[in-house]
Amino acid sequence: MQQLSWTDDMMLRAERAETPMQIQMLLIYDPSTVPGGKVTFKGMLEELDARLHLAPTFRRRLTELPGALHMPYWVDDPDFDLEYHVRHIALPQPGDWRQLCIQIAGIHARQIDLRRPPWEITVIEGLNSVPGVPEGAFAISLKLHHCAVDGMESVELMVALHDLAADGPRPAPPERPWQPDALPSTASLLSRTAINVALYPLRAGKVLVPNGVKVVRQLAGLPGKLAGGVASTLVGGAGSPFAPPTRFNGAVSPHRVFEARFHDLADILSIKASVPGSTINDVALAYVGGALRDYLGRHDELPEQTLVAACLVSLRDAADKGSGGNRLFGRLQPLGTTIADPLERLTSITEATAAIRDASDTSSTTRLLDLVGLLPTALLGMTVKAAIVLPFSGPTIANTTVSNVRGPTEPIFFNGARLVRATGLGPLIGGLNLFHVVASYNGSFSIGVTAERDALPDPATYAECMETAFQELLAAAG
């Protein structure tokens, strides 16, 4: 058994019908590379079944303590049924991009059954009129609950499902056929939890003792340093760490929309090279800032103060791979929406990123997460959970969420079909009703957009604004 961390538990407690806490990948395949030239749903199920042992996430579910006294545990699902988790649909003709977006948004809006392993795959056939995609292509929607994985860990699961060649051999089977462990009794759960609670002081000492008082001072000063770094770099923000309210900030409904744009990574690197010191993530933020500036300008809603993004940063290192759960840290980033010139906007974002990087200390942040994770759930305070699950109110901290996920740099294949496009969707919570997933795969770059339907009733228009922002950056970079 493995107990959820406090961050994983927060992801679970934030779950409501209006805020399904799940991440999703949209993967589009070219079946012409399949040996024999045909993909069958039965063949896909066999391929998935042959790979389940590569990631324990696929066959484990949650079990709660009585009265939710403490964080739940992961246990083997004794009733695991692969066909329950894998669904199969087809787009009506002509099978175009808009139809696919509507289907993906509908899938994302539905909650995952948390009584079973928290993931779903939907195979979508009939992609016959999607620009840039071969006729007859199919898509896979891979949806996972955020309490089980973060963005980087979801990539590890994606890799486990794929080969590096169309005719690549399946992975070696496990040494023994999978047999689920017996479900723990209530008494064993309570006993294990009591031991964990008793060990809190010892574990906290291990986190703090190596650096003593210095660590405590770093942790205590970290929030102030981060806020100061953001406040000093917000363009037009008059030193305020808060963002201007927009249509993307407020109460959320259960309804979602989805869009995405795809580009050559070489073009993104060309834009990056035009501003010394910038990163691909800086370019993505300038891209998002330009799209939001254009979109809100078209609706006569562009604030005089710059919009702000909440950026999710992974704290995973090589040792964390395959461990599941969440190792995330958030920072605020100005988007330069008050700046018309695209390269000036990118320069401003690059400088702001550098200032925030100088003000922060990743090692201290990691210690902070480790230390908070050692506290009993009761000491975390019910107010923390209430702040997550109650409808959003109060000052606007950020206007959108931006998450950057790096995928494989080589082409990969599922059941012989070549993956040609990859993008993602993210959860909406805390008054942030617009989520951008920045992803890269095999020389391509994408930005996937998840939004609440009332906040973005015209996703195709926003897609036009995204394309315009990209073309402006590319032209300015020469």
Protein backbone atom coordinates (compact mmCIF):
# COMPACT_ATOMS: atom_id res chain seq x y z
CA MET A 1 0.00 0.00 0.00
CA GLN A 2 1.08 3.54 -0.68
CA GLN A 3 -0.51 6.55 1.00
CA LEU A 4 -1.29 9.68 -0.99
CA SER A 5 0.89 12.70 -0.36
CA TRP A 6 -0.77 15.85 0.90
CA THR A 7 -0.60 17.40 -2.61
CA ASP A 8 -2.24 14.32 -4.13
CA ASP A 9 -4.88 14.44 -1.40
CA MET A 10 -5.63 18.09 -2.21
CA MET A 11 -6.17 17.10 -5.85
CA LEU A 12 -8.66 14.50 -4.66
CA ARG A 13 -10.51 16.80 -2.23
CA ALA A 14 -10.91 19.48 -4.91
CA GLU A 15 -13.01 17.10 -7.02
CA ARG A 16 -16.55 18.32 -7.74
CA ALA A 17 -18.91 17.96 -10.68
CA GLU A 18 -17.89 21.47 -11.76
CA THR A 19 -14.17 20.84 -11.25
CA PRO A 20 -13.15 17.34 -12.36
CA MET A 21 -9.49 17.19 -11.33
CA GLN A 22 -8.05 15.34 -14.27
CA ILE A 23 -5.41 15.75 -16.93
CA GLN A 24 -5.90 14.48 -20.44
CA MET A 25 -3.76 13.78 -23.48
CA LEU A 26 -5.00 13.93 -27.05
CA LEU A 27 -2.83 11.66 -29.21
CA ILE A 28 -3.41 11.39 -32.98
CA TYR A 29 -2.03 8.45 -34.98
CA ASP A 30 -1.28 7.60 -38.60
CA PRO A 31 -2.35 3.94 -39.10
CA SER A 32 -0.53 3.59 -42.44
CA THR A 33 2.60 2.44 -40.57
CA VAL A 34 0.83 -0.56 -39.02
CA PRO A 35 2.24 -3.89 -40.23
CA GLY A 36 -0.57 -5.33 -42.32
CA GLY A 37 -2.10 -1.86 -42.70
CA LYS A 38 -5.00 -2.28 -40.28
CA VAL A 39 -5.63 -1.38 -36.64
CA THR A 40 -8.39 -3.17 -34.76
CA PHE A 41 -9.92 -2.35 -31.42
CA LYS A 42 -9.27 -5.92 -30.29
CA GLY A 43 -5.62 -5.49 -31.22
CA MET A 44 -5.45 -2.28 -29.17
CA LEU A 45 -6.88 -4.04 -26.12
CA GLU A 46 -4.31 -6.81 -26.48
CA GLU A 47 -1.53 -4.22 -26.78
CA LEU A 48 -2.70 -2.40 -23.66
CA ASP A 49 -3.08 -5.64 -21.71
CA ALA A 50 0.52 -6.57 -22.56
CA ARG A 51 1.78 -3.29 -21.05
CA LEU A 52 -0.24 -2.90 -17.86
CA HIS A 53 2.57 -4.30 -15.71
CA LEU A 54 4.87 -1.44 -16.79
CA ALA A 55 3.00 1.09 -14.64
CA PRO A 56 1.29 0.19 -11.34
CA THR A 57 -1.02 3.22 -11.75
CA PHE A 58 -3.10 1.27 -14.25
CA ARG A 59 -4.36 -1.35 -11.77
CA ARG A 60 -4.59 0.41 -8.44
CA ARG A 61 -7.46 2.31 -6.90
CA LEU A 62 -8.10 4.38 -3.80
CA THR A 63 -9.32 3.19 -0.44
CA GLU A 64 -10.46 5.66 2.21
CA LEU A 65 -10.13 5.53 5.96
CA PRO A 66 -13.38 5.62 7.96
CA GLY A 67 -14.64 9.18 8.15
CA ALA A 68 -11.78 10.31 5.91
CA LEU A 69 -9.63 10.62 9.04
CA HIS A 70 -6.46 10.75 7.02
CA MET A 71 -5.17 10.62 3.48
CA PRO A 72 -6.32 7.60 1.41
CA TYR A 73 -4.14 4.70 0.27
CA TRP A 74 -3.50 3.17 -3.14
CA VAL A 75 -4.41 -0.52 -3.26
CA ASP A 76 -4.67 -3.16 -5.99
CA ASP A 77 -8.10 -3.29 -7.63
CA PRO A 78 -9.33 -6.89 -7.18
CA ASP A 79 -12.03 -6.32 -9.81
CA PHE A 80 -9.81 -4.71 -12.45
CA ASP A 81 -11.45 -4.87 -15.89
CA LEU A 82 -9.47 -3.45 -18.81
CA GLU A 83 -12.53 -3.13 -21.04
CA TYR A 84 -14.20 -0.86 -18.47
CA HIS A 85 -11.36 1.65 -18.86
CA VAL A 86 -11.11 1.56 -22.67
CA ARG A 87 -13.94 2.93 -24.81
CA HIS A 88 -14.41 3.15 -28.58
CA ILE A 89 -16.28 5.79 -30.61
CA ALA A 90 -16.19 7.23 -34.13
CA LEU A 91 -16.72 10.75 -35.40
CA PRO A 92 -19.61 11.30 -37.81
CA GLN A 93 -18.47 12.35 -41.25
CA PRO A 94 -16.68 14.42 -42.37
CA GLY A 95 -14.66 13.82 -39.17
CA ASP A 96 -13.13 17.28 -38.96
CA TRP A 97 -11.16 19.16 -36.31
CA ARG A 98 -14.16 20.96 -34.82
CA GLN A 99 -15.99 17.65 -34.28
CA LEU A 100 -12.92 16.19 -32.61
CA CYS A 101 -12.58 19.22 -30.30
CA ILE A 102 -16.22 18.90 -29.22
CA GLN A 103 -15.76 15.21 -28.42
CA ILE A 104 -12.55 15.82 -26.48
CA ALA A 105 -14.16 18.62 -24.45
CA GLY A 106 -17.11 16.38 -23.62
CA ILE A 107 -14.82 13.57 -22.49
CA HIS A 108 -12.84 15.98 -20.32
CA ALA A 109 -15.97 17.34 -18.64
CA ARG A 110 -17.03 13.91 -17.36
CA GLN A 111 -15.70 12.81 -13.98
CA ILE A 112 -13.59 9.70 -13.63
CA ASP A 113 -15.04 6.88 -11.52
CA LEU A 114 -12.88 7.04 -8.39
CA ARG A 115 -14.14 3.65 -7.21
CA ARG A 116 -11.86 2.13 -9.86
CA PRO A 117 -8.33 2.89 -11.06
CA PRO A 118 -8.64 6.58 -12.02
CA TRP A 119 -7.92 6.53 -15.75
CA GLU A 120 -9.77 6.16 -19.04
CA ILE A 121 -8.81 5.67 -22.68
CA THR A 122 -11.19 6.58 -25.49
CA VAL A 123 -10.29 5.49 -29.02
CA ILE A 124 -11.78 7.88 -31.59
CA GLU A 125 -11.95 6.74 -35.22
CA GLY A 126 -12.98 8.58 -38.38
CA LEU A 127 -10.54 11.52 -38.46
CA ASN A 128 -10.87 12.05 -42.21
CA SER A 129 -10.85 15.86 -42.54
CA VAL A 130 -8.37 17.13 -39.95
CA PRO A 131 -5.80 19.51 -41.51
CA GLY A 132 -2.26 18.16 -41.34
CA VAL A 133 -3.43 14.67 -40.35
CA PRO A 134 -3.59 11.72 -42.79
CA GLU A 135 -7.07 10.63 -43.84
CA GLY A 136 -8.20 7.62 -41.84
CA ALA A 137 -6.24 8.64 -38.75
CA PHE A 138 -7.49 7.80 -35.28
CA ALA A 139 -7.06 9.50 -31.91
CA ILE A 140 -6.62 8.29 -28.36
CA SER A 141 -7.81 10.32 -25.40
CA LEU A 142 -5.86 9.30 -22.29
CA LYS A 143 -7.47 10.76 -19.17
CA LEU A 144 -5.97 10.41 -15.67
CA HIS A 145 -6.98 11.83 -12.33
CA HIS A 146 -4.57 14.43 -10.98
CA CYS A 147 -4.34 12.65 -7.62
CA ALA A 148 -2.49 9.83 -9.41
CA VAL A 149 -0.12 11.73 -11.71
CA ASP A 150 1.11 15.17 -12.67
CA GLY A 151 1.99 16.27 -16.20
CA MET A 152 5.53 14.87 -16.20
CA GLU A 153 4.45 11.55 -14.72
CA SER A 154 1.68 11.25 -17.33
CA VAL A 155 4.38 11.40 -20.02
CA GLU A 156 6.07 8.43 -18.34
CA LEU A 157 2.80 6.50 -18.62
CA MET A 158 2.47 7.51 -22.27
CA VAL A 159 5.97 6.21 -22.97
CA ALA A 160 5.10 2.89 -21.33
CA LEU A 161 2.33 2.42 -23.89
CA HIS A 162 4.50 2.99 -26.97
CA ASP A 163 7.37 1.53 -28.97
CA LEU A 164 10.21 3.25 -30.84
CA ALA A 165 9.42 1.33 -34.05
CA ALA A 166 6.24 0.30 -35.86
CA ASP A 167 7.22 -3.35 -35.68
CA GLY A 168 8.87 -3.11 -32.28
CA PRO A 169 8.50 -6.17 -30.04
CA ARG A 170 6.16 -5.97 -27.09
CA PRO A 171 7.83 -5.58 -23.70
CA ALA A 172 8.81 -8.73 -21.86
CA PRO A 173 5.92 -10.11 -19.81
CA PRO A 174 6.12 -10.00 -16.01
CA GLU A 175 7.85 -12.87 -14.26
CA ARG A 176 4.54 -13.90 -12.72
CA PRO A 177 0.97 -13.19 -13.84
CA TRP A 178 -0.54 -10.27 -11.96
CA GLN A 179 -2.47 -11.18 -8.85
CA PRO A 180 -3.98 -8.36 -6.78
CA ASP A 181 -3.02 -8.13 -3.13
CA ALA A 182 -5.88 -8.62 -0.70
CA LEU A 183 -7.72 -5.45 0.25
CA PRO A 184 -6.54 -4.13 3.63
CA SER A 185 -8.85 -4.30 6.60
CA THR A 186 -9.99 -1.17 8.38
CA ALA A 187 -7.87 -2.18 11.37
CA SER A 188 -4.71 -2.48 9.26
CA LEU A 189 -5.36 0.90 7.65
CA LEU A 190 -5.80 2.56 11.02
CA SER A 191 -2.74 0.81 12.41
CA ARG A 192 -0.56 1.86 9.45
CA THR A 193 -1.82 5.43 9.71
CA ALA A 194 -1.12 5.56 13.44
CA ILE A 195 2.48 4.48 12.76
CA ASN A 196 2.84 7.16 10.07
CA VAL A 197 1.55 9.83 12.42
CA ALA A 198 3.87 8.67 15.19
CA LEU A 199 6.85 8.96 12.82
CA TYR A 200 6.05 12.54 11.78
CA PRO A 201 8.44 14.18 14.29
CA LEU A 202 11.32 11.89 13.23
CA ARG A 203 10.73 12.51 9.52
CA ALA A 204 10.38 16.25 10.05
CA GLY A 205 13.69 16.18 11.88
CA LYS A 206 15.35 14.53 8.89
CA VAL A 207 14.04 17.31 6.64
CA LEU A 208 15.14 20.11 8.95
CA VAL A 209 18.22 18.86 10.76
CA PRO A 210 20.74 18.71 7.86
CA ASN A 211 20.65 22.47 7.49
CA GLY A 212 19.17 23.44 10.81
CA VAL A 213 17.95 26.97 11.37
CA LYS A 214 19.09 28.02 7.89
CA VAL A 215 16.41 25.81 6.30
CA VAL A 216 13.72 27.22 8.56
CA ARG A 217 14.69 30.76 7.64
CA GLN A 218 14.73 29.90 3.92
CA LEU A 219 11.29 28.34 4.10
CA ALA A 220 9.88 31.22 6.13
CA GLY A 221 11.20 33.81 3.69
CA LEU A 222 10.38 31.97 0.48
CA PRO A 223 6.77 33.19 -0.04
CA GLY A 224 7.80 36.82 0.53
CA LYS A 225 10.74 36.55 -1.86
CA LEU A 226 8.59 35.03 -4.57
CA ALA A 227 5.85 37.64 -4.15
CA GLY A 228 8.44 40.41 -4.22
CA GLY A 229 10.00 39.05 -7.39
CA VAL A 230 6.66 38.86 -9.14
CA ALA A 231 5.53 42.29 -7.92
CA SER A 232 8.71 43.97 -9.10
CA THR A 233 8.40 42.51 -12.61
CA LEU A 234 4.69 42.88 -13.34
CA VAL A 235 4.45 45.20 -16.33
CA GLY A 236 2.04 48.04 -15.60
CA GLY A 237 1.07 46.41 -12.34
CA ALA A 238 2.22 49.26 -10.09
CA GLY A 239 3.96 46.72 -7.89
CA SER A 240 0.78 44.73 -7.23
CA PRO A 241 1.10 40.92 -7.17
CA PHE A 242 -2.57 40.59 -8.13
CA ALA A 243 -3.89 40.23 -11.67
CA PRO A 244 -6.75 42.19 -13.25
CA PRO A 245 -10.12 40.38 -13.26
CA THR A 246 -11.18 39.00 -16.65
CA ARG A 247 -13.91 36.83 -18.11
CA PHE A 248 -11.66 33.85 -17.31
CA ASN A 249 -11.89 34.41 -13.56
CA GLY A 250 -15.00 33.52 -11.62
CA ALA A 251 -17.38 30.69 -10.81
CA VAL A 252 -17.05 27.63 -13.02
CA SER A 253 -19.70 25.41 -14.62
CA PRO A 254 -19.27 21.72 -15.55
CA HIS A 255 -19.09 22.55 -19.29
CA ARG A 256 -15.80 22.66 -21.23
CA VAL A 257 -14.42 23.68 -24.61
CA PHE A 258 -11.12 22.66 -26.19
CA GLU A 259 -8.81 23.97 -28.90
CA ALA A 260 -5.17 23.49 -29.89
CA ARG A 261 -2.57 24.81 -32.33
CA PHE A 262 0.42 22.87 -33.66
CA HIS A 263 3.74 24.28 -34.94
CA ASP A 264 7.24 23.18 -35.88
CA LEU A 265 9.54 23.28 -32.89
CA ALA A 266 12.23 24.73 -35.19
CA ASP A 267 10.11 27.89 -35.55
CA ILE A 268 9.80 28.19 -31.78
CA LEU A 269 13.58 27.82 -31.47
CA SER A 270 14.01 30.55 -34.10
CA ILE A 271 11.84 32.90 -32.04
CA LYS A 272 13.75 31.93 -28.90
CA ALA A 273 17.06 32.80 -30.57
CA SER A 274 15.86 36.33 -31.32
CA VAL A 275 15.89 37.29 -27.62
CA PRO A 276 19.10 36.35 -25.76
CA GLY A 277 18.50 34.46 -22.54
CA SER A 278 14.94 33.44 -23.41
CA THR A 279 13.67 29.88 -23.12
CA ILE A 280 11.04 27.86 -24.95
CA ASN A 281 8.79 28.42 -21.95
CA ASP A 282 9.30 32.19 -22.28
CA VAL A 283 8.30 31.97 -25.95
CA ALA A 284 5.19 29.99 -24.99
CA LEU A 285 4.23 32.67 -22.44
CA ALA A 286 4.75 35.44 -25.00
CA TYR A 287 2.60 33.42 -27.41
CA VAL A 288 -0.17 33.05 -24.80
CA GLY A 289 0.12 36.75 -23.88
CA GLY A 290 -0.26 37.75 -27.52
CA ALA A 291 -3.28 35.49 -28.01
CA LEU A 292 -5.01 36.85 -24.89
CA ARG A 293 -4.21 40.43 -25.89
CA ASP A 294 -5.77 39.85 -29.31
CA TYR A 295 -8.80 37.95 -28.02
CA LEU A 296 -9.72 40.36 -25.23
CA GLY A 297 -9.02 43.29 -27.56
CA ARG A 298 -11.53 41.91 -30.08
CA HIS A 299 -14.11 41.82 -27.28
CA ASP A 300 -13.13 45.28 -25.99
CA GLU A 301 -12.14 43.73 -22.65
CA LEU A 302 -8.34 44.16 -22.57
CA PRO A 303 -7.28 45.45 -19.11
CA GLU A 304 -4.73 48.24 -18.74
CA GLN A 305 -2.77 46.00 -16.36
CA THR A 306 -0.95 42.94 -17.67
CA LEU A 307 -2.58 39.55 -17.32
CA VAL A 308 -0.77 37.01 -15.14
CA ALA A 309 -0.26 33.28 -15.61
CA ALA A 310 0.04 30.68 -12.87
CA CYS A 311 2.87 28.47 -14.16
CA LEU A 312 3.21 24.91 -12.93
CA VAL A 313 6.83 23.86 -12.43
CA SER A 314 7.84 20.22 -11.96
CA LEU A 315 10.20 19.45 -9.08
CA ARG A 316 10.85 15.91 -10.30
CA ASP A 317 14.36 14.64 -10.75
CA ALA A 318 15.55 11.34 -12.21
CA ALA A 319 14.92 9.53 -8.92
CA ASP A 320 11.25 10.60 -8.95
CA LYS A 321 10.42 9.05 -12.34
CA GLY A 322 7.77 6.37 -12.09
CA SER A 323 6.90 7.30 -8.51
CA GLY A 324 3.43 8.62 -9.43
CA GLY A 325 1.66 11.46 -7.69
CA ASN A 326 2.43 15.16 -7.89
CA ARG A 327 5.69 17.05 -7.45
CA LEU A 328 4.58 20.50 -8.55
CA PHE A 329 5.31 24.06 -7.57
CA GLY A 330 3.45 27.10 -8.87
CA ARG A 331 4.79 30.56 -9.66
CA LEU A 332 3.16 33.71 -11.03
CA GLN A 333 4.36 35.11 -14.34
CA PRO A 334 3.35 38.36 -16.10
CA LEU A 335 2.23 37.82 -19.70
CA GLY A 336 3.00 41.29 -21.08
CA THR A 337 -0.49 41.79 -22.51
CA THR A 338 0.03 45.57 -22.29
CA ILE A 339 2.88 45.33 -24.85
CA ALA A 340 1.93 45.36 -28.54
CA ASP A 341 5.35 44.52 -30.01
CA PRO A 342 5.82 40.73 -29.83
CA LEU A 343 9.60 40.77 -29.29
CA GLU A 344 9.32 43.49 -26.64
CA ARG A 345 6.75 41.28 -24.93
CA LEU A 346 9.10 38.28 -25.11
CA THR A 347 11.97 40.40 -23.75
CA SER A 348 9.81 41.57 -20.86
CA ILE A 349 8.78 38.00 -20.02
CA THR A 350 12.39 36.78 -20.24
CA GLU A 351 13.51 39.48 -17.80
CA ALA A 352 10.62 38.72 -15.45
CA THR A 353 11.42 35.00 -15.52
CA ALA A 354 15.05 35.73 -14.64
CA ALA A 355 13.99 37.93 -11.72
CA ILE A 356 11.62 35.28 -10.39
CA ARG A 357 14.30 32.60 -10.81
CA ASP A 358 16.79 34.71 -8.84
CA ALA A 359 14.24 35.29 -6.07
CA SER A 360 13.32 31.64 -5.69
CA ASP A 361 15.21 28.60 -4.44
CA THR A 362 14.07 25.26 -5.80
CA SER A 363 15.81 23.31 -3.03
CA SER A 364 13.94 25.33 -0.39
CA THR A 365 10.68 24.79 -2.23
CA THR A 366 11.29 21.05 -2.29
CA ARG A 367 11.99 21.08 1.45
CA LEU A 368 8.82 23.08 2.02
CA LEU A 369 6.74 20.48 0.14
CA ASP A 370 8.45 17.67 2.04
CA LEU A 371 7.87 19.40 5.37
CA VAL A 372 4.20 20.20 4.77
CA GLY A 373 3.73 16.65 3.52
CA LEU A 374 4.81 15.38 6.93
CA LEU A 375 2.08 17.22 8.80
CA PRO A 376 -1.05 15.29 9.81
CA THR A 377 -4.10 16.11 7.72
CA ALA A 378 -5.80 17.69 10.73
CA LEU A 379 -2.91 20.14 11.12
CA LEU A 380 -3.11 21.19 7.48
CA GLY A 381 -6.39 22.73 8.50
CA MET A 382 -9.86 22.32 7.10
CA THR A 383 -9.63 25.90 5.86
CA VAL A 384 -7.08 24.81 3.24
CA LYS A 385 -9.46 22.22 1.83
CA ALA A 386 -12.41 24.59 2.08
CA ALA A 387 -10.53 27.22 0.09
CA ILE A 388 -10.08 24.69 -2.71
CA VAL A 389 -13.60 23.30 -2.90
CA LEU A 390 -15.67 26.44 -2.30
CA PRO A 391 -16.67 28.68 -5.24
CA PHE A 392 -13.96 31.19 -6.15
CA SER A 393 -14.09 34.61 -4.50
CA GLY A 394 -11.57 37.27 -3.56
CA PRO A 395 -8.73 38.96 -5.43
CA THR A 396 -7.63 37.59 -8.79
CA ILE A 397 -4.18 36.05 -8.31
CA ALA A 398 -3.80 34.91 -11.92
CA ASN A 399 -5.85 34.85 -15.12
CA THR A 400 -4.84 31.53 -16.65
CA THR A 401 -2.78 28.44 -15.90
CA VAL A 402 0.17 27.46 -18.11
CA SER A 403 1.80 24.03 -17.83
CA ASN A 404 4.80 22.98 -19.92
CA VAL A 405 5.28 19.26 -20.59
CA ARG A 406 8.14 17.88 -22.66
CA GLY A 407 7.36 14.69 -24.52
CA PRO A 408 9.55 12.20 -26.42
CA THR A 409 12.01 13.67 -28.92
CA GLU A 410 11.73 10.67 -31.27
CA PRO A 411 8.70 9.25 -33.11
CA ILE A 412 6.82 6.64 -31.10
CA PHE A 413 4.27 4.01 -32.13
CA PHE A 414 1.20 2.44 -30.54
CA ASN A 415 0.21 -0.97 -31.88
CA GLY A 416 2.24 -0.10 -34.98
CA ALA A 417 0.54 3.27 -35.64
CA ARG A 418 2.80 6.33 -35.66
CA LEU A 419 1.99 9.16 -33.24
CA VAL A 420 1.82 12.34 -35.34
CA ARG A 421 0.32 14.89 -32.94
CA ALA A 422 0.18 15.27 -29.18
CA THR A 423 -1.39 17.91 -26.98
CA GLY A 424 -3.15 18.10 -23.63
CA LEU A 425 -5.92 19.42 -21.39
CA GLY A 426 -5.84 20.51 -17.75
CA PRO A 427 -8.26 21.09 -14.85
CA LEU A 428 -10.00 24.37 -14.07
CA ILE A 429 -10.03 25.41 -10.42
CA GLY A 430 -9.67 28.41 -8.15
CA GLY A 431 -11.23 30.93 -10.50
CA LEU A 432 -8.79 30.05 -13.31
CA ASN A 433 -11.15 29.02 -16.10
CA LEU A 434 -8.56 28.93 -18.88
CA PHE A 435 -5.77 26.35 -18.96
CA HIS A 436 -2.92 26.21 -21.51
CA VAL A 437 -0.92 22.97 -21.89
CA VAL A 438 2.36 23.57 -23.73
CA ALA A 439 3.72 20.31 -25.14
CA SER A 440 6.53 19.17 -27.40
CA TYR A 441 6.95 15.89 -29.27
CA ASN A 442 9.35 14.78 -32.01
CA GLY A 443 10.11 18.23 -33.40
CA SER A 444 6.58 19.59 -32.97
CA PHE A 445 5.21 22.15 -30.52
CA SER A 446 1.60 22.50 -29.41
CA ILE A 447 -0.55 24.56 -27.11
CA GLY A 448 -3.78 22.93 -25.99
CA VAL A 449 -6.49 25.11 -24.46
CA THR A 450 -9.11 23.98 -21.94
CA ALA A 451 -11.75 26.53 -20.91
CA GLU A 452 -15.10 26.86 -19.24
CA ARG A 453 -17.73 27.24 -21.97
CA ASP A 454 -19.19 30.54 -20.75
CA ALA A 455 -15.71 32.02 -20.35
CA LEU A 456 -14.71 31.03 -23.91
CA PRO A 457 -17.89 30.54 -25.96
CA ASP A 458 -15.98 30.99 -29.23
CA PRO A 459 -12.92 28.69 -29.02
CA ALA A 460 -12.37 28.84 -32.78
CA THR A 461 -11.91 32.62 -32.48
CA TYR A 462 -9.35 32.11 -29.74
CA ALA A 463 -7.57 29.61 -31.99
CA GLU A 464 -7.34 32.36 -34.65
CA CYS A 465 -5.83 34.67 -32.02
CA MET A 466 -3.30 31.99 -31.11
CA GLU A 467 -2.28 31.59 -34.74
CA THR A 468 -1.98 35.36 -35.14
CA ALA A 469 0.20 35.63 -32.02
CA PHE A 470 2.49 32.91 -33.33
CA GLN A 471 2.80 34.43 -36.80
CA GLU A 472 3.58 37.85 -35.29
CA LEU A 473 6.35 36.36 -33.15
CA LEU A 474 7.77 34.42 -36.09
CA ALA A 475 7.72 37.43 -38.40
CA ALA A 476 9.32 39.67 -35.77
CA ALA A 477 12.07 37.08 -35.27
CA GLY A 478 12.82 37.20 -39.00
